[in-house]
Amino acid sequence: MASNFTVTNLFVYPIKGLSGVAINESFVTSRGLQYDRRWMLIDGNNQFISQRTFPNLCLFKVEIIDQGFSVTYNSNSVFVPLEIKQGQTVLVKIWDDQVEAILADNLINDFFSEQLQIKCSLVYMPDSSNRRVDESFVKQHNTVSFADGYPVLLIGQESLNLLNSKLNEPIEMNRFRPNIVFEGGTAHIEDLMIKFRIAEVEFHGIKPCARCQVPTIDQQTAIISKEPTKTLASYRKFGNKINFGQNVIVMHEGIIRVSDKIVLEN
């Protein structure tokens, strides 16, 4: 089925909770876009750290470079490899899941501990770790990275345009931390995208994304406000959930690019 939906932006978040990186193309794996949320910060209890408790994580800027990425905070920076295949393994907690991960080296861990002023460590999810997507919504045995729950988050630009038309001060899409942004259609059309394809990659939309407080954090300043949650609650509240964007799983891997068309198959 032909469509008028076009991919306009692709983002990966190599370290969960830190700033995203805009890319022009990505290999999409069953866990999500390549390099997306394969790293995560944990506290002294091996519990994951996010912007919910440390809003200033958004101020750590990430840039992908050869064989890794540079993380910069207050002009201090550290190099993190794209992946590590061996090292000390630890069992980490992310929501209700316990996942085996590999510890980064002391130089990297000391950097984050110093910047955040807490004892913390960076961990990597190897391919051998098998974190399942919530099986109450997905019957297949799909895997996911350190993302909150699903491999891919899809948002239409028109959804943000509608929200911004209701706000006194417009916000940027980075508040919602999507992986794929597209143009075309009406606001929240992504809610209805169940089976679709981008290039050779097949996706299934599972359910609209219930939002936490992270969209209230200005990703440039880490300042917290009541918006956009207050306004979203006036027209996007379903039960006790405020939805924005569509959670998606990957059914067939491959490469997607900015300017690719989204082809609906449902």
Protein backbone atom coordinates (compact mmCIF):
# COMPACT_ATOMS: atom_id res chain seq x y z
CA MET A 1 0.00 0.00 0.00
CA ALA A 2 1.51 3.33 -1.05
CA SER A 3 1.72 6.09 1.52
CA ASN A 4 2.68 9.71 1.95
CA PHE A 5 4.73 9.10 5.08
CA THR A 6 8.43 9.98 4.86
CA VAL A 7 11.16 9.44 7.44
CA THR A 8 12.60 12.85 8.34
CA ASN A 9 14.83 12.06 11.33
CA LEU A 10 16.59 9.08 12.88
CA PHE A 11 18.04 9.13 16.39
CA VAL A 12 20.03 6.74 18.53
CA TYR A 13 20.81 7.08 22.23
CA PRO A 14 23.99 5.05 22.73
CA ILE A 15 23.86 5.50 26.53
CA LYS A 16 20.41 5.30 28.08
CA GLY A 17 19.37 8.69 29.48
CA LEU A 18 22.05 10.75 27.75
CA SER A 19 21.55 12.97 24.72
CA GLY A 20 20.67 11.45 21.38
CA VAL A 21 22.62 11.43 18.14
CA ALA A 22 20.98 12.34 14.82
CA ILE A 23 21.98 9.93 12.06
CA ASN A 24 21.15 9.63 8.37
CA GLU A 25 20.88 5.85 8.22
CA SER A 26 20.91 2.87 10.54
CA PHE A 27 21.00 -0.87 10.49
CA VAL A 28 17.93 -1.95 12.47
CA THR A 29 18.36 -5.05 14.64
CA SER A 30 15.74 -6.96 16.58
CA ARG A 31 16.76 -4.91 19.65
CA GLY A 32 16.29 -1.60 17.83
CA LEU A 33 18.47 0.78 15.85
CA GLN A 34 22.12 -0.27 15.92
CA TYR A 35 24.00 1.14 18.96
CA ASP A 36 20.76 2.38 20.54
CA ARG A 37 20.78 2.07 24.35
CA ARG A 38 23.32 -0.72 24.48
CA TRP A 39 25.06 1.19 27.29
CA MET A 40 23.49 2.21 30.60
CA LEU A 41 24.55 3.83 33.86
CA ILE A 42 23.95 1.98 37.13
CA ASP A 43 24.23 3.05 40.75
CA GLY A 44 25.96 1.23 43.61
CA ASN A 45 23.03 -1.19 43.85
CA ASN A 46 23.29 -2.08 40.12
CA GLN A 47 19.99 -0.23 39.55
CA PHE A 48 19.69 1.74 36.31
CA ILE A 49 20.02 5.53 36.37
CA SER A 50 17.82 7.74 34.18
CA GLN A 51 16.70 11.34 33.74
CA ARG A 52 13.83 10.64 36.10
CA THR A 53 16.22 10.90 39.03
CA PHE A 54 19.14 12.69 37.36
CA PRO A 55 17.71 15.28 34.91
CA ASN A 56 21.20 16.58 34.15
CA LEU A 57 21.95 13.39 32.23
CA CYS A 58 20.48 15.21 29.24
CA LEU A 59 23.43 17.63 29.40
CA PHE A 60 25.92 14.88 28.60
CA LYS A 61 26.48 15.32 24.88
CA VAL A 62 27.24 12.27 22.78
CA GLU A 63 29.03 12.24 19.44
CA ILE A 64 29.69 9.09 17.43
CA ILE A 65 33.31 8.88 16.23
CA ASP A 66 35.52 6.11 14.85
CA GLN A 67 34.89 2.85 16.69
CA GLY A 68 33.08 4.57 19.54
CA PHE A 69 31.61 7.80 20.81
CA SER A 70 32.74 10.80 22.77
CA VAL A 71 30.75 11.88 25.84
CA THR A 72 31.20 15.50 26.96
CA TYR A 73 29.96 17.21 30.13
CA ASN A 74 31.06 20.66 31.32
CA SER A 75 33.96 20.55 28.82
CA ASN A 76 35.18 17.24 30.28
CA SER A 77 35.03 14.25 27.96
CA VAL A 78 35.62 10.52 27.80
CA PHE A 79 35.78 8.01 24.98
CA VAL A 80 33.43 5.01 25.08
CA PRO A 81 33.78 2.13 22.56
CA LEU A 82 30.79 1.16 20.46
CA GLU A 83 30.83 -2.28 22.04
CA ILE A 84 32.87 -4.50 24.33
CA LYS A 85 32.99 -8.28 24.07
CA GLN A 86 34.66 -9.23 27.35
CA GLY A 87 35.16 -7.95 30.87
CA GLN A 88 33.65 -8.26 34.33
CA THR A 89 29.98 -9.23 34.11
CA VAL A 90 27.36 -7.98 36.53
CA LEU A 91 23.63 -8.52 36.93
CA VAL A 92 21.85 -5.16 36.54
CA LYS A 93 18.28 -4.14 37.29
CA ILE A 94 16.16 -2.21 34.79
CA TRP A 95 12.52 -1.95 35.75
CA ASP A 96 11.36 -5.52 36.46
CA ASP A 97 14.16 -7.13 34.48
CA GLN A 98 17.52 -8.43 35.62
CA VAL A 99 20.03 -8.42 32.79
CA GLU A 100 23.61 -9.60 32.49
CA ALA A 101 25.91 -6.80 31.39
CA ILE A 102 29.64 -6.08 31.06
CA LEU A 103 31.29 -3.36 33.16
CA ALA A 104 33.18 -0.57 31.43
CA ASP A 105 36.74 0.11 32.56
CA ASN A 106 37.59 2.20 35.62
CA LEU A 107 38.56 5.28 33.62
CA ILE A 108 35.06 5.51 32.13
CA ASN A 109 33.31 4.71 35.42
CA ASP A 110 35.36 7.31 37.30
CA PHE A 111 34.43 9.94 34.72
CA PHE A 112 30.70 9.44 35.23
CA SER A 113 31.05 9.17 39.01
CA GLU A 114 32.92 12.48 39.12
CA GLN A 115 30.49 14.31 36.85
CA LEU A 116 27.36 13.05 38.63
CA GLN A 117 28.90 13.20 42.10
CA ILE A 118 27.70 9.68 42.91
CA LYS A 119 29.28 6.26 42.73
CA CYS A 120 28.14 4.82 39.41
CA SER A 121 29.29 2.57 36.60
CA LEU A 122 28.67 2.22 32.89
CA VAL A 123 27.60 -1.20 31.61
CA TYR A 124 27.21 -2.70 28.15
CA MET A 125 24.59 -5.16 26.96
CA PRO A 126 26.33 -7.90 24.94
CA ASP A 127 24.56 -9.89 22.26
CA SER A 128 24.38 -12.83 24.66
CA SER A 129 22.05 -10.92 27.01
CA ASN A 130 18.45 -11.81 26.33
CA ARG A 131 16.08 -9.14 27.63
CA ARG A 132 12.55 -9.84 26.44
CA VAL A 133 9.92 -7.34 25.37
CA ASP A 134 6.91 -7.36 27.73
CA GLU A 135 5.16 -10.59 26.83
CA SER A 136 1.79 -9.30 28.02
CA PHE A 137 1.76 -7.18 24.84
CA VAL A 138 4.05 -9.15 22.52
CA LYS A 139 3.57 -12.89 22.06
CA GLN A 140 6.74 -13.35 20.03
CA HIS A 141 10.03 -13.72 21.91
CA ASN A 142 11.34 -10.32 20.85
CA THR A 143 14.42 -8.88 22.52
CA VAL A 144 15.09 -5.28 23.51
CA SER A 145 18.09 -3.20 24.52
CA PHE A 146 18.20 -1.04 27.67
CA ALA A 147 15.28 1.00 26.26
CA ASP A 148 12.39 1.31 28.70
CA GLY A 149 10.33 -1.40 27.08
CA TYR A 150 10.37 -1.59 23.29
CA PRO A 151 13.02 -1.58 20.55
CA VAL A 152 11.79 1.46 18.59
CA LEU A 153 9.78 4.62 19.30
CA LEU A 154 7.99 6.15 16.30
CA ILE A 155 6.54 9.69 16.33
CA GLY A 156 4.90 11.73 13.58
CA GLN A 157 5.90 15.37 13.20
CA GLU A 158 2.23 16.32 13.01
CA SER A 159 1.76 15.03 16.57
CA LEU A 160 4.34 17.50 17.84
CA ASN A 161 2.93 20.27 15.64
CA LEU A 162 -0.50 19.80 17.23
CA LEU A 163 0.97 19.85 20.72
CA ASN A 164 3.00 22.98 19.99
CA SER A 165 -0.13 24.73 18.68
CA LYS A 166 -1.57 24.31 22.18
CA LEU A 167 1.52 25.41 24.13
CA ASN A 168 2.54 28.96 25.00
CA GLU A 169 6.14 28.05 24.19
CA PRO A 170 6.85 25.36 21.57
CA ILE A 171 9.11 22.46 22.47
CA GLU A 172 11.44 20.29 20.43
CA MET A 173 10.96 16.67 19.49
CA ASN A 174 13.95 15.67 21.63
CA ARG A 175 11.73 15.90 24.73
CA PHE A 176 10.15 12.61 23.61
CA ARG A 177 13.38 10.84 22.61
CA PRO A 178 12.10 9.09 19.46
CA ASN A 179 14.10 6.81 17.19
CA ILE A 180 12.12 7.47 14.00
CA VAL A 181 10.33 10.72 13.13
CA PHE A 182 8.20 11.00 10.00
CA GLU A 183 6.15 13.60 8.18
CA GLY A 184 2.75 13.13 6.59
CA GLY A 185 -0.73 12.22 7.70
CA THR A 186 -2.61 13.65 10.66
CA ALA A 187 -1.56 14.10 14.28
CA HIS A 188 -1.11 10.77 16.09
CA ILE A 189 -1.59 8.71 12.95
CA GLU A 190 1.26 6.58 14.33
CA ASP A 191 -1.19 5.17 16.88
CA LEU A 192 -2.82 3.31 14.00
CA MET A 193 0.36 2.00 12.37
CA ILE A 194 0.24 -1.71 13.17
CA LYS A 195 2.14 -3.36 10.32
CA PHE A 196 4.44 -1.25 8.19
CA ARG A 197 7.70 -1.34 6.30
CA ILE A 198 10.58 1.10 5.86
CA ALA A 199 12.84 -0.04 3.00
CA GLU A 200 13.26 -3.79 3.66
CA VAL A 201 12.67 -3.52 7.42
CA GLU A 202 9.34 -4.79 8.75
CA PHE A 203 7.88 -3.27 11.90
CA HIS A 204 4.86 -3.98 14.08
CA GLY A 205 3.31 -1.19 16.14
CA ILE A 206 2.44 -2.63 19.57
CA LYS A 207 0.84 0.14 21.59
CA PRO A 208 0.99 3.91 22.12
CA CYS A 209 3.84 5.01 24.37
CA ALA A 210 2.77 5.97 27.90
CA ARG A 211 4.89 8.93 28.96
CA CYS A 212 6.72 9.52 32.22
CA GLN A 213 8.01 12.87 33.50
CA VAL A 214 11.02 13.01 31.14
CA PRO A 215 9.22 15.17 28.52
CA THR A 216 8.96 17.90 31.18
CA ILE A 217 12.77 18.19 31.17
CA ASP A 218 14.24 20.77 28.78
CA GLN A 219 16.93 18.73 27.03
CA GLN A 220 19.14 21.78 26.55
CA THR A 221 19.06 23.10 30.12
CA ALA A 222 17.76 20.23 32.34
CA ILE A 223 15.14 22.66 33.71
CA ILE A 224 11.90 20.93 34.71
CA SER A 225 8.45 22.44 34.14
CA LYS A 226 4.82 21.30 34.11
CA GLU A 227 4.69 21.30 30.33
CA PRO A 228 4.09 19.55 28.05
CA THR A 229 2.50 16.99 30.39
CA LYS A 230 -0.13 19.42 31.65
CA THR A 231 -1.36 20.20 28.15
CA LEU A 232 -1.06 16.61 26.91
CA ALA A 233 -3.25 15.48 29.81
CA SER A 234 -6.07 17.61 28.40
CA TYR A 235 -6.35 15.58 25.18
CA ARG A 236 -4.01 12.56 25.26
CA LYS A 237 -4.93 10.95 28.58
CA PHE A 238 -6.25 7.41 28.41
CA GLY A 239 -7.10 6.03 31.84
CA ASN A 240 -4.16 7.09 33.97
CA LYS A 241 -1.71 7.12 31.02
CA ILE A 242 -0.65 10.02 28.82
CA ASN A 243 0.27 8.68 25.38
CA PHE A 244 2.59 10.18 22.81
CA GLY A 245 4.26 8.12 20.09
CA GLN A 246 4.02 4.46 19.14
CA ASN A 247 6.05 1.58 20.63
CA VAL A 248 7.31 -0.67 17.84
CA ILE A 249 9.03 -4.05 17.48
CA VAL A 250 11.23 -5.20 14.59
CA MET A 251 10.08 -8.22 12.59
CA HIS A 252 12.73 -8.19 9.85
CA GLU A 253 16.14 -6.51 10.13
CA GLY A 254 17.76 -4.23 7.57
CA ILE A 255 18.87 -0.68 6.80
CA ILE A 256 16.65 2.40 6.95
CA ARG A 257 17.50 5.94 5.91
CA VAL A 258 16.23 9.47 6.24
CA SER A 259 13.89 10.18 3.27
CA ASP A 260 12.70 6.55 3.10
CA LYS A 261 8.96 6.04 2.73
CA ILE A 262 6.85 4.30 5.35
CA VAL A 263 4.64 1.75 3.64
CA LEU A 264 1.56 0.62 5.57
CA GLU A 265 0.65 -3.05 5.33
CA ASN A 266 -2.34 -3.27 7.66
